[in-house]
Amino acid sequence: MSLQDLLEALGDREAWRAHAACRGLDTKLMYPTTLGRAGDNNSGPAQARAVCNTCTVRAECFNTAVANDEHFGVWAGMSGRVLRAAIVRRQRELRTQEMAR
């Protein structure tokens, strides 16, 4: 595989980002610094999850989070422990599938 082939494959794999509901938004929205507790002026991850709820490429977003082992931010409408647990579960599934081959 040539470098050009590799770059094209990577570009295709990330093409979903052009359709992401969060595209062009301030990255601070998707990487909130607060937990968004009741009474806070900052809604934390809830505002980011609301953006994700309108998104048509959530599956691709989640697959990217799994591939990159993301533990921070909001990905595919998930954050914190929920995101980490979903990533670990999916990575385990992928390893099991790989071993079955």
Foldseek 3Di string as FASTA:
>chain_A
DDPVVVVVVVCVLCVCLVQQLCPPPDVCQQFPPDPCDPPDPDNGPVSVLVSLVPGPCQVSQLVVCLVVVDQTGAGSSDHHPVSNVVSVVVVVVVVVVVVVD
